[in-house]
N, C-alpha and C. Protein backbone atom coordinates (compact mmCIF):
# COMPACT_ATOMS: atom_id res chain seq x y z
N MET A 1 9.65 -13.49 -5.94
CA MET A 1 9.95 -12.12 -6.32
C MET A 1 8.71 -11.24 -6.20
N GLY A 2 7.53 -11.78 -6.51
CA GLY A 2 6.30 -11.00 -6.43
C GLY A 2 6.01 -10.55 -5.01
N GLU A 3 6.42 -11.37 -4.06
CA GLU A 3 6.22 -11.01 -2.66
C GLU A 3 6.93 -9.71 -2.32
N LEU A 4 8.18 -9.63 -2.69
CA LEU A 4 8.99 -8.44 -2.38
C LEU A 4 8.45 -7.21 -3.10
N VAL A 5 8.06 -7.37 -4.36
CA VAL A 5 7.53 -6.25 -5.14
C VAL A 5 6.25 -5.72 -4.50
N ASP A 6 5.36 -6.63 -4.11
CA ASP A 6 4.11 -6.19 -3.48
C ASP A 6 4.37 -5.46 -2.16
N LYS A 7 5.30 -5.97 -1.38
CA LYS A 7 5.60 -5.32 -0.10
C LYS A 7 6.19 -3.93 -0.32
N ILE A 8 7.07 -3.79 -1.30
CA ILE A 8 7.68 -2.49 -1.58
C ILE A 8 6.62 -1.51 -2.07
N LYS A 9 5.80 -1.94 -3.04
CA LYS A 9 4.74 -1.06 -3.55
C LYS A 9 3.79 -0.67 -2.42
N GLY A 10 3.50 -1.61 -1.54
CA GLY A 10 2.61 -1.32 -0.42
C GLY A 10 3.19 -0.27 0.51
N ASN A 11 4.47 -0.40 0.80
CA ASN A 11 5.13 0.59 1.67
C ASN A 11 5.13 1.97 1.03
N VAL A 12 5.39 2.03 -0.26
CA VAL A 12 5.42 3.31 -0.97
C VAL A 12 4.03 3.95 -0.96
N ASN A 13 3.01 3.15 -1.28
CA ASN A 13 1.66 3.70 -1.31
C ASN A 13 1.20 4.15 0.08
N GLU A 14 1.58 3.41 1.10
CA GLU A 14 1.24 3.84 2.46
C GLU A 14 1.90 5.16 2.81
N ALA A 15 3.17 5.29 2.49
CA ALA A 15 3.91 6.52 2.81
C ALA A 15 3.32 7.72 2.07
N ILE A 16 3.04 7.56 0.79
CA ILE A 16 2.46 8.66 0.02
C ILE A 16 1.07 8.99 0.54
N GLY A 17 0.31 7.96 0.86
CA GLY A 17 -1.03 8.18 1.42
C GLY A 17 -0.98 8.96 2.72
N ASN A 18 -0.04 8.62 3.58
CA ASN A 18 0.10 9.34 4.84
C ASN A 18 0.45 10.80 4.61
N LEU A 19 1.31 11.07 3.65
CA LEU A 19 1.67 12.46 3.35
C LEU A 19 0.46 13.23 2.81
N LYS A 20 -0.29 12.61 1.93
CA LYS A 20 -1.47 13.27 1.37
C LYS A 20 -2.50 13.59 2.44
N GLN A 21 -2.61 12.73 3.44
CA GLN A 21 -3.60 12.96 4.50
C GLN A 21 -3.25 14.17 5.35
N LYS A 22 -2.03 14.62 5.32
CA LYS A 22 -1.61 15.79 6.09
C LYS A 22 -1.90 17.09 5.36
N SER A 23 -2.45 17.00 4.17
CA SER A 23 -2.78 18.17 3.37
C SER A 23 -3.96 18.92 3.98
N ASP A 24 -4.10 20.18 3.61
CA ASP A 24 -5.25 20.97 4.06
C ASP A 24 -6.46 20.76 3.16
N ASN A 25 -6.25 20.14 2.01
CA ASN A 25 -7.31 19.92 1.03
C ASN A 25 -8.04 18.62 1.36
N PRO A 26 -9.36 18.69 1.65
CA PRO A 26 -10.11 17.48 1.99
C PRO A 26 -10.09 16.42 0.89
N GLU A 27 -10.09 16.85 -0.36
CA GLU A 27 -10.05 15.89 -1.47
C GLU A 27 -8.72 15.12 -1.48
N THR A 28 -7.64 15.84 -1.24
CA THR A 28 -6.33 15.21 -1.18
C THR A 28 -6.23 14.28 0.02
N GLN A 29 -6.83 14.68 1.13
CA GLN A 29 -6.85 13.82 2.31
C GLN A 29 -7.58 12.51 2.03
N ALA A 30 -8.69 12.59 1.32
CA ALA A 30 -9.45 11.39 0.98
C ALA A 30 -8.63 10.49 0.05
N GLU A 31 -7.96 11.09 -0.92
CA GLU A 31 -7.09 10.32 -1.81
C GLU A 31 -5.99 9.62 -1.00
N GLY A 32 -5.47 10.31 -0.02
CA GLY A 32 -4.42 9.74 0.82
C GLY A 32 -4.92 8.55 1.61
N ALA A 33 -6.13 8.64 2.13
CA ALA A 33 -6.69 7.52 2.89
C ALA A 33 -6.88 6.30 1.98
N GLU A 34 -7.35 6.55 0.77
CA GLU A 34 -7.51 5.45 -0.20
C GLU A 34 -6.17 4.84 -0.57
N GLN A 35 -5.19 5.68 -0.78
CA GLN A 35 -3.87 5.19 -1.18
C GLN A 35 -3.22 4.40 -0.04
N GLU A 36 -3.42 4.85 1.19
CA GLU A 36 -2.88 4.13 2.34
C GLU A 36 -3.53 2.75 2.45
N ALA A 37 -4.85 2.70 2.25
CA ALA A 37 -5.56 1.41 2.30
C ALA A 37 -5.06 0.48 1.19
N LYS A 38 -4.82 1.04 0.01
CA LYS A 38 -4.29 0.24 -1.10
C LYS A 38 -2.92 -0.32 -0.73
N GLY A 39 -2.11 0.49 -0.09
CA GLY A 39 -0.78 0.05 0.32
C GLY A 39 -0.85 -1.08 1.33
N LYS A 40 -1.77 -0.99 2.26
CA LYS A 40 -1.92 -2.05 3.26
C LYS A 40 -2.38 -3.35 2.58
N ALA A 41 -3.26 -3.23 1.61
CA ALA A 41 -3.72 -4.41 0.88
C ALA A 41 -2.56 -5.04 0.09
N GLN A 42 -1.73 -4.21 -0.51
CA GLN A 42 -0.58 -4.73 -1.26
C GLN A 42 0.40 -5.45 -0.33
N GLN A 43 0.60 -4.90 0.84
CA GLN A 43 1.51 -5.55 1.79
C GLN A 43 0.94 -6.90 2.23
N THR A 44 -0.36 -6.94 2.46
CA THR A 44 -1.00 -8.20 2.83
C THR A 44 -0.87 -9.22 1.72
N ALA A 45 -1.05 -8.79 0.48
CA ALA A 45 -0.89 -9.68 -0.66
C ALA A 45 0.54 -10.22 -0.71
N GLY A 46 1.49 -9.39 -0.43
CA GLY A 46 2.88 -9.81 -0.41
C GLY A 46 3.14 -10.84 0.67
N LYS A 47 2.53 -10.65 1.83
CA LYS A 47 2.70 -11.61 2.93
C LYS A 47 2.07 -12.95 2.56
N VAL A 48 0.91 -12.91 1.93
CA VAL A 48 0.24 -14.14 1.52
C VAL A 48 1.08 -14.87 0.47
N LYS A 49 1.60 -14.13 -0.49
CA LYS A 49 2.46 -14.73 -1.51
C LYS A 49 3.68 -15.36 -0.87
N GLY A 50 4.22 -14.70 0.15
CA GLY A 50 5.39 -15.24 0.83
C GLY A 50 5.06 -16.52 1.56
N ALA A 51 3.88 -16.59 2.14
CA ALA A 51 3.50 -17.78 2.88
C ALA A 51 3.12 -18.94 1.95
N LEU A 52 2.49 -18.63 0.83
CA LEU A 52 2.00 -19.67 -0.06
C LEU A 52 2.91 -19.90 -1.27
N GLY A 53 3.81 -19.00 -1.49
CA GLY A 53 4.66 -19.07 -2.68
C GLY A 53 4.15 -18.11 -3.72
N ASP A 54 4.98 -17.74 -4.65
CA ASP A 54 4.63 -16.76 -5.67
C ASP A 54 3.73 -17.31 -6.76
N ASP A 55 3.35 -18.57 -6.68
CA ASP A 55 2.55 -19.20 -7.71
C ASP A 55 1.10 -18.74 -7.71
N ILE A 56 0.65 -18.07 -6.67
CA ILE A 56 -0.76 -17.65 -6.62
C ILE A 56 -0.97 -16.41 -7.43
């Protein structure tokens, strides 16, 4: 179950991050880049959990 949750959270954070990066505000753009990176990390964690099992 943790695998699916991580993948969903990752997708959401990536999408929100991409939207923020389209802002005219440089601070918001930077937040968006960070949020997108967080989303990618969450998706990777989900993939690892899926490969190794949710016990990690």
